[in-house]
Amino acid sequence: MTRDMIRLFKVKEKQRELAENANGASHVKKQSAGELRLHKDISELNLPKSCNISFPNGKDELMNFEVTIRPDEGFYSGGTFSFTFQVAPIYPHEAPKVKCKTKVYHPNIDLEGNVCLNILREDWKPVLNINTVIYGLYHLFTEPNYEDPLNHDAAAVLRDNPKMFESNVRRAMAGGYVGQTLFPRCI
């Protein structure tokens, strides 16, 4: 392409921009590839009835959202657990950053809200999506995994004494102490 043609394209682009602004059309922010993919993922969500997604900063800020999970089976049945998602502009080439906002007694979630889920770490692949992550989080509540723990104490109790683990979960969800840790009521 010659320099004159490039200059002509730039002039045409500038004229089109000026015309749009003159007509009161607001300038649309270009979306990153990650935002476009995330928009597609969200539009195709097929969540279980026990999971809900919300956008506390409005639909204009898709890259940060919250997911609430209310398990209807297993140890955590009846509880409500909230997660924040932060999605990088290079998504899906990087997994979303997920934190649990609800303090929970769980072998795969530590007391700071860090989540141990393989697809958020070493097993992440760009073919995975937000739907997959939410189902993975839901699965942590229906099938907690003591073999890959963040909370080693909870994992040991689940492995060695499932009845005591169940009792600890119920006490924590009701807003009680497990050991030295006080948990907020989430049922």
C-alpha atoms as a PDB file:
ATOM      1  CA  MET A   1       0.000   0.000   0.000  1.00  0.00           C
ATOM      2  CA  THR A   2       1.353   3.419  -0.847  1.00  0.00           C
ATOM      3  CA  ARG A   3       1.736   6.214   1.648  1.00  0.00           C
ATOM      4  CA  ASP A   4      -0.961   8.232  -0.159  1.00  0.00           C
ATOM      5  CA  MET A   5      -3.483   5.383   0.170  1.00  0.00           C
ATOM      6  CA  ILE A   6      -2.723   5.017   3.879  1.00  0.00           C
ATOM      7  CA  ARG A   7      -3.146   8.766   4.321  1.00  0.00           C
ATOM      8  CA  LEU A   8      -6.448   8.604   2.411  1.00  0.00           C
ATOM      9  CA  PHE A   9      -7.723   5.806   4.710  1.00  0.00           C
ATOM     10  CA  LYS A  10      -6.769   7.845   7.779  1.00  0.00           C
ATOM     11  CA  VAL A  11      -8.571  10.907   6.406  1.00  0.00           C
ATOM     12  CA  LYS A  12     -11.681   8.816   5.624  1.00  0.00           C
ATOM     13  CA  GLU A  13     -11.584   7.268   9.110  1.00  0.00           C
ATOM     14  CA  LYS A  14     -11.272  10.706  10.727  1.00  0.00           C
ATOM     15  CA  GLN A  15     -14.182  12.035   8.633  1.00  0.00           C
ATOM     16  CA  ARG A  16     -16.352   9.072   9.634  1.00  0.00           C
ATOM     17  CA  GLU A  17     -15.450   9.613  13.306  1.00  0.00           C
ATOM     18  CA  LEU A  18     -16.296  13.310  13.087  1.00  0.00           C
ATOM     19  CA  ALA A  19     -19.615  12.534  11.360  1.00  0.00           C
ATOM     20  CA  GLU A  20     -20.544  10.014  14.077  1.00  0.00           C
ATOM     21  CA  ASN A  21     -19.710  12.528  16.808  1.00  0.00           C
ATOM     22  CA  ALA A  22     -21.679  15.260  15.046  1.00  0.00           C
ATOM     23  CA  ASN A  23     -24.713  12.986  14.866  1.00  0.00           C
ATOM     24  CA  GLY A  24     -24.564  12.458  18.622  1.00  0.00           C
ATOM     25  CA  ALA A  25     -23.346   8.894  18.328  1.00  0.00           C
ATOM     26  CA  SER A  26     -21.195   8.100  21.300  1.00  0.00           C
ATOM     27  CA  HIS A  27     -17.760   6.724  20.617  1.00  0.00           C
ATOM     28  CA  VAL A  28     -17.856   2.979  21.245  1.00  0.00           C
ATOM     29  CA  LYS A  29     -14.893   1.589  23.174  1.00  0.00           C
ATOM     30  CA  LYS A  30     -13.158  -1.213  21.326  1.00  0.00           C
ATOM     31  CA  GLN A  31     -13.482  -4.504  23.170  1.00  0.00           C
ATOM     32  CA  SER A  32     -10.468  -6.725  23.729  1.00  0.00           C
ATOM     33  CA  ALA A  33     -10.530 -10.291  22.414  1.00  0.00           C
ATOM     34  CA  GLY A  34     -10.941 -11.408  26.032  1.00  0.00           C
ATOM     35  CA  GLU A  35     -14.015  -9.195  26.498  1.00  0.00           C
ATOM     36  CA  LEU A  36     -15.549 -10.507  23.277  1.00  0.00           C
ATOM     37  CA  ARG A  37     -14.959 -14.124  24.328  1.00  0.00           C
ATOM     38  CA  LEU A  38     -16.285 -13.449  27.844  1.00  0.00           C
ATOM     39  CA  HIS A  39     -19.415 -11.821  26.380  1.00  0.00           C
ATOM     40  CA  LYS A  40     -19.951 -14.972  24.293  1.00  0.00           C
ATOM     41  CA  ASP A  41     -19.369 -17.227  27.334  1.00  0.00           C
ATOM     42  CA  ILE A  42     -21.849 -15.282  29.451  1.00  0.00           C
ATOM     43  CA  SER A  43     -24.491 -15.247  26.725  1.00  0.00           C
ATOM     44  CA  GLU A  44     -24.185 -19.053  26.480  1.00  0.00           C
ATOM     45  CA  LEU A  45     -24.268 -19.787  30.225  1.00  0.00           C
ATOM     46  CA  ASN A  46     -26.298 -22.830  31.187  1.00  0.00           C
ATOM     47  CA  LEU A  47     -26.120 -22.783  34.974  1.00  0.00           C
ATOM     48  CA  PRO A  48     -27.802 -25.110  37.430  1.00  0.00           C
ATOM     49  CA  LYS A  49     -30.716 -23.482  39.260  1.00  0.00           C
ATOM     50  CA  SER A  50     -28.537 -23.332  42.394  1.00  0.00           C
ATOM     51  CA  CYS A  51     -26.025 -20.945  40.752  1.00  0.00           C
ATOM     52  CA  ASN A  52     -26.477 -17.267  39.965  1.00  0.00           C
ATOM     53  CA  ILE A  53     -24.279 -14.653  38.245  1.00  0.00           C
ATOM     54  CA  SER A  54     -24.410 -10.908  38.899  1.00  0.00           C
ATOM     55  CA  PHE A  55     -22.560  -7.800  37.758  1.00  0.00           C
ATOM     56  CA  PRO A  56     -22.225  -5.443  40.760  1.00  0.00           C
ATOM     57  CA  ASN A  57     -20.471  -2.808  38.600  1.00  0.00           C
ATOM     58  CA  GLY A  58     -23.084  -3.004  35.839  1.00  0.00           C
ATOM     59  CA  LYS A  59     -23.137  -4.837  32.526  1.00  0.00           C
ATOM     60  CA  ASP A  60     -20.527  -2.406  31.151  1.00  0.00           C
ATOM     61  CA  GLU A  61     -17.879  -4.037  33.311  1.00  0.00           C
ATOM     62  CA  LEU A  62     -18.105  -7.681  32.289  1.00  0.00           C
ATOM     63  CA  MET A  63     -14.557  -8.538  33.351  1.00  0.00           C
ATOM     64  CA  ASN A  64     -15.450  -8.450  37.079  1.00  0.00           C
ATOM     65  CA  PHE A  65     -18.515 -10.285  38.298  1.00  0.00           C
ATOM     66  CA  GLU A  66     -19.844 -12.425  41.121  1.00  0.00           C
ATOM     67  CA  VAL A  67     -21.252 -15.912  41.248  1.00  0.00           C
ATOM     68  CA  THR A  68     -23.427 -17.222  44.077  1.00  0.00           C
ATOM     69  CA  ILE A  69     -23.708 -20.951  44.659  1.00  0.00           C
ATOM     70  CA  ARG A  70     -26.434 -22.498  46.833  1.00  0.00           C
ATOM     71  CA  PRO A  71     -25.740 -26.245  46.902  1.00  0.00           C
ATOM     72  CA  ASP A  72     -28.877 -28.374  47.038  1.00  0.00           C
ATOM     73  CA  GLU A  73     -27.074 -31.598  47.969  1.00  0.00           C
ATOM     74  CA  GLY A  74     -24.089 -32.799  49.976  1.00  0.00           C
ATOM     75  CA  PHE A  75     -22.422 -31.444  53.131  1.00  0.00           C
ATOM     76  CA  TYR A  76     -23.003 -27.796  52.116  1.00  0.00           C
ATOM     77  CA  SER A  77     -26.678 -28.114  51.192  1.00  0.00           C
ATOM     78  CA  GLY A  78     -28.623 -24.998  52.182  1.00  0.00           C
ATOM     79  CA  GLY A  79     -25.568 -22.734  52.344  1.00  0.00           C
ATOM     80  CA  THR A  80     -24.944 -19.641  50.215  1.00  0.00           C
ATOM     81  CA  PHE A  81     -21.416 -19.032  48.942  1.00  0.00           C
ATOM     82  CA  SER A  82     -20.272 -16.021  46.906  1.00  0.00           C
ATOM     83  CA  PHE A  83     -17.296 -15.852  44.567  1.00  0.00           C
ATOM     84  CA  THR A  84     -15.653 -12.959  42.760  1.00  0.00           C
ATOM     85  CA  PHE A  85     -14.317 -13.458  39.248  1.00  0.00           C
ATOM     86  CA  GLN A  86     -11.644 -11.235  37.709  1.00  0.00           C
ATOM     87  CA  VAL A  87     -11.053 -11.932  34.055  1.00  0.00           C
ATOM     88  CA  ALA A  88      -7.869 -10.721  32.345  1.00  0.00           C
ATOM     89  CA  PRO A  89      -7.952  -9.065  28.902  1.00  0.00           C
ATOM     90  CA  ILE A  90      -5.997 -12.065  27.551  1.00  0.00           C
ATOM     91  CA  TYR A  91      -8.813 -14.474  28.534  1.00  0.00           C
ATOM     92  CA  PRO A  92      -9.241 -17.338  27.516  1.00  0.00           C
ATOM     93  CA  HIS A  93      -5.458 -17.768  27.387  1.00  0.00           C
ATOM     94  CA  GLU A  94      -5.385 -17.188  31.138  1.00  0.00           C
ATOM     95  CA  ALA A  95      -7.830 -18.622  33.662  1.00  0.00           C
ATOM     96  CA  PRO A  96     -10.070 -16.195  35.552  1.00  0.00           C
ATOM     97  CA  LYS A  97      -8.965 -15.274  39.077  1.00  0.00           C
ATOM     98  CA  VAL A  98     -11.609 -16.619  41.468  1.00  0.00           C
ATOM     99  CA  LYS A  99     -11.932 -15.859  45.185  1.00  0.00           C
ATOM    100  CA  CYS A 100     -14.527 -17.066  47.675  1.00  0.00           C
ATOM    101  CA  LYS A 101     -16.032 -14.079  49.516  1.00  0.00           C
ATOM    102  CA  THR A 102     -17.776 -16.341  52.045  1.00  0.00           C
ATOM    103  CA  LYS A 103     -15.551 -17.656  54.830  1.00  0.00           C
ATOM    104  CA  VAL A 104     -16.113 -21.402  54.635  1.00  0.00           C
ATOM    105  CA  TYR A 105     -14.857 -24.571  56.308  1.00  0.00           C
ATOM    106  CA  HIS A 106     -13.789 -26.499  53.218  1.00  0.00           C
ATOM    107  CA  PRO A 107     -10.760 -28.620  52.271  1.00  0.00           C
ATOM    108  CA  ASN A 108     -10.369 -26.890  48.880  1.00  0.00           C
ATOM    109  CA  ILE A 109     -10.977 -23.269  49.978  1.00  0.00           C
ATOM    110  CA  ASP A 110      -8.730 -21.603  52.536  1.00  0.00           C
ATOM    111  CA  LEU A 111      -9.818 -19.030  55.105  1.00  0.00           C
ATOM    112  CA  GLU A 112      -8.592 -16.178  52.833  1.00  0.00           C
ATOM    113  CA  GLY A 113     -10.925 -17.325  50.035  1.00  0.00           C
ATOM    114  CA  ASN A 114      -8.322 -18.901  47.752  1.00  0.00           C
ATOM    115  CA  VAL A 115      -9.795 -21.757  45.746  1.00  0.00           C
ATOM    116  CA  CYS A 116      -8.013 -24.986  44.847  1.00  0.00           C
ATOM    117  CA  LEU A 117      -9.578 -26.119  41.595  1.00  0.00           C
ATOM    118  CA  ASN A 118      -7.353 -27.745  38.972  1.00  0.00           C
ATOM    119  CA  ILE A 119      -9.008 -25.992  36.011  1.00  0.00           C
ATOM    120  CA  LEU A 120      -8.135 -22.620  37.560  1.00  0.00           C
ATOM    121  CA  ARG A 121      -4.467 -23.621  37.619  1.00  0.00           C
ATOM    122  CA  GLU A 122      -2.476 -26.266  35.776  1.00  0.00           C
ATOM    123  CA  ASP A 123      -5.409 -27.800  33.873  1.00  0.00           C
ATOM    124  CA  TRP A 124      -6.715 -24.532  32.407  1.00  0.00           C
ATOM    125  CA  LYS A 125      -7.090 -24.575  28.617  1.00  0.00           C
ATOM    126  CA  PRO A 126      -8.531 -21.868  26.339  1.00  0.00           C
ATOM    127  CA  VAL A 127     -11.339 -24.252  25.285  1.00  0.00           C
ATOM    128  CA  LEU A 128     -12.699 -24.082  28.844  1.00  0.00           C
ATOM    129  CA  ASN A 129     -15.155 -21.318  29.713  1.00  0.00           C
ATOM    130  CA  ILE A 130     -16.915 -19.557  32.576  1.00  0.00           C
ATOM    131  CA  ASN A 131     -19.680 -22.181  32.587  1.00  0.00           C
ATOM    132  CA  THR A 132     -17.049 -24.898  33.173  1.00  0.00           C
ATOM    133  CA  VAL A 133     -15.502 -22.940  36.059  1.00  0.00           C
ATOM    134  CA  ILE A 134     -18.873 -22.401  37.758  1.00  0.00           C
ATOM    135  CA  TYR A 135     -19.709 -26.104  37.444  1.00  0.00           C
ATOM    136  CA  GLY A 136     -16.254 -26.880  38.873  1.00  0.00           C
ATOM    137  CA  LEU A 137     -16.942 -24.626  41.874  1.00  0.00           C
ATOM    138  CA  TYR A 138     -20.365 -26.204  42.355  1.00  0.00           C
ATOM    139  CA  HIS A 139     -18.719 -29.638  42.236  1.00  0.00           C
ATOM    140  CA  LEU A 140     -16.365 -28.614  45.086  1.00  0.00           C
ATOM    141  CA  PHE A 141     -19.443 -28.244  47.306  1.00  0.00           C
ATOM    142  CA  THR A 142     -21.089 -31.502  46.268  1.00  0.00           C
ATOM    143  CA  GLU A 143     -17.827 -33.514  46.242  1.00  0.00           C
ATOM    144  CA  PRO A 144     -15.133 -31.836  48.382  1.00  0.00           C
ATOM    145  CA  ASN A 145     -11.693 -33.297  47.636  1.00  0.00           C
ATOM    146  CA  TYR A 146      -9.358 -34.068  50.546  1.00  0.00           C
ATOM    147  CA  GLU A 147      -6.554 -35.177  48.187  1.00  0.00           C
ATOM    148  CA  ASP A 148      -5.753 -31.658  46.912  1.00  0.00           C
ATOM    149  CA  PRO A 149      -6.335 -29.411  49.943  1.00  0.00           C
ATOM    150  CA  LEU A 150      -5.779 -25.761  50.758  1.00  0.00           C
ATOM    151  CA  ASN A 151      -7.264 -26.228  54.242  1.00  0.00           C
ATOM    152  CA  HIS A 152      -5.261 -29.242  55.438  1.00  0.00           C
ATOM    153  CA  ASP A 153      -7.146 -29.553  58.751  1.00  0.00           C
ATOM    154  CA  ALA A 154     -10.536 -29.765  57.035  1.00  0.00           C
ATOM    155  CA  ALA A 155      -9.097 -32.242  54.507  1.00  0.00           C
ATOM    156  CA  ALA A 156      -7.736 -34.509  57.260  1.00  0.00           C
ATOM    157  CA  VAL A 157     -11.098 -34.500  59.078  1.00  0.00           C
ATOM    158  CA  LEU A 158     -12.977 -35.278  55.829  1.00  0.00           C
ATOM    159  CA  ARG A 159     -10.572 -38.142  55.059  1.00  0.00           C
ATOM    160  CA  ASP A 160     -10.437 -39.628  58.577  1.00  0.00           C
ATOM    161  CA  ASN A 161     -13.860 -38.842  60.046  1.00  0.00           C
ATOM    162  CA  PRO A 162     -16.570 -37.836  57.529  1.00  0.00           C
ATOM    163  CA  LYS A 163     -19.220 -37.663  60.293  1.00  0.00           C
ATOM    164  CA  MET A 164     -17.158 -35.130  62.253  1.00  0.00           C
ATOM    165  CA  PHE A 165     -16.485 -33.237  59.012  1.00  0.00           C
ATOM    166  CA  GLU A 166     -20.220 -33.011  58.386  1.00  0.00           C
ATOM    167  CA  SER A 167     -20.760 -31.759  61.945  1.00  0.00           C
ATOM    168  CA  ASN A 168     -18.001 -29.127  61.503  1.00  0.00           C
ATOM    169  CA  VAL A 169     -19.520 -27.938  58.222  1.00  0.00           C
ATOM    170  CA  ARG A 170     -22.975 -27.594  59.819  1.00  0.00           C
ATOM    171  CA  ARG A 171     -21.524 -25.692  62.804  1.00  0.00           C
ATOM    172  CA  ALA A 172     -19.529 -23.351  60.526  1.00  0.00           C
ATOM    173  CA  MET A 173     -22.509 -22.685  58.222  1.00  0.00           C
ATOM    174  CA  ALA A 174     -24.700 -21.908  61.247  1.00  0.00           C
ATOM    175  CA  GLY A 175     -22.247 -19.210  62.331  1.00  0.00           C
ATOM    176  CA  GLY A 176     -20.222 -21.114  64.909  1.00  0.00           C
ATOM    177  CA  TYR A 177     -16.643 -21.961  65.742  1.00  0.00           C
ATOM    178  CA  VAL A 178     -14.635 -24.807  64.291  1.00  0.00           C
ATOM    179  CA  GLY A 179     -11.450 -24.961  66.340  1.00  0.00           C
ATOM    180  CA  GLN A 180     -10.310 -21.366  66.898  1.00  0.00           C
ATOM    181  CA  THR A 181     -12.072 -20.002  63.802  1.00  0.00           C
ATOM    182  CA  LEU A 182     -15.453 -18.280  63.877  1.00  0.00           C
ATOM    183  CA  PHE A 183     -17.437 -18.595  60.668  1.00  0.00           C
ATOM    184  CA  PRO A 184     -20.228 -16.232  59.564  1.00  0.00           C
ATOM    185  CA  ARG A 185     -23.710 -17.693  59.197  1.00  0.00           C
ATOM    186  CA  CYS A 186     -24.367 -18.636  55.570  1.00  0.00           C
ATOM    187  CA  ILE A 187     -27.580 -20.672  55.815  1.00  0.00           C
END
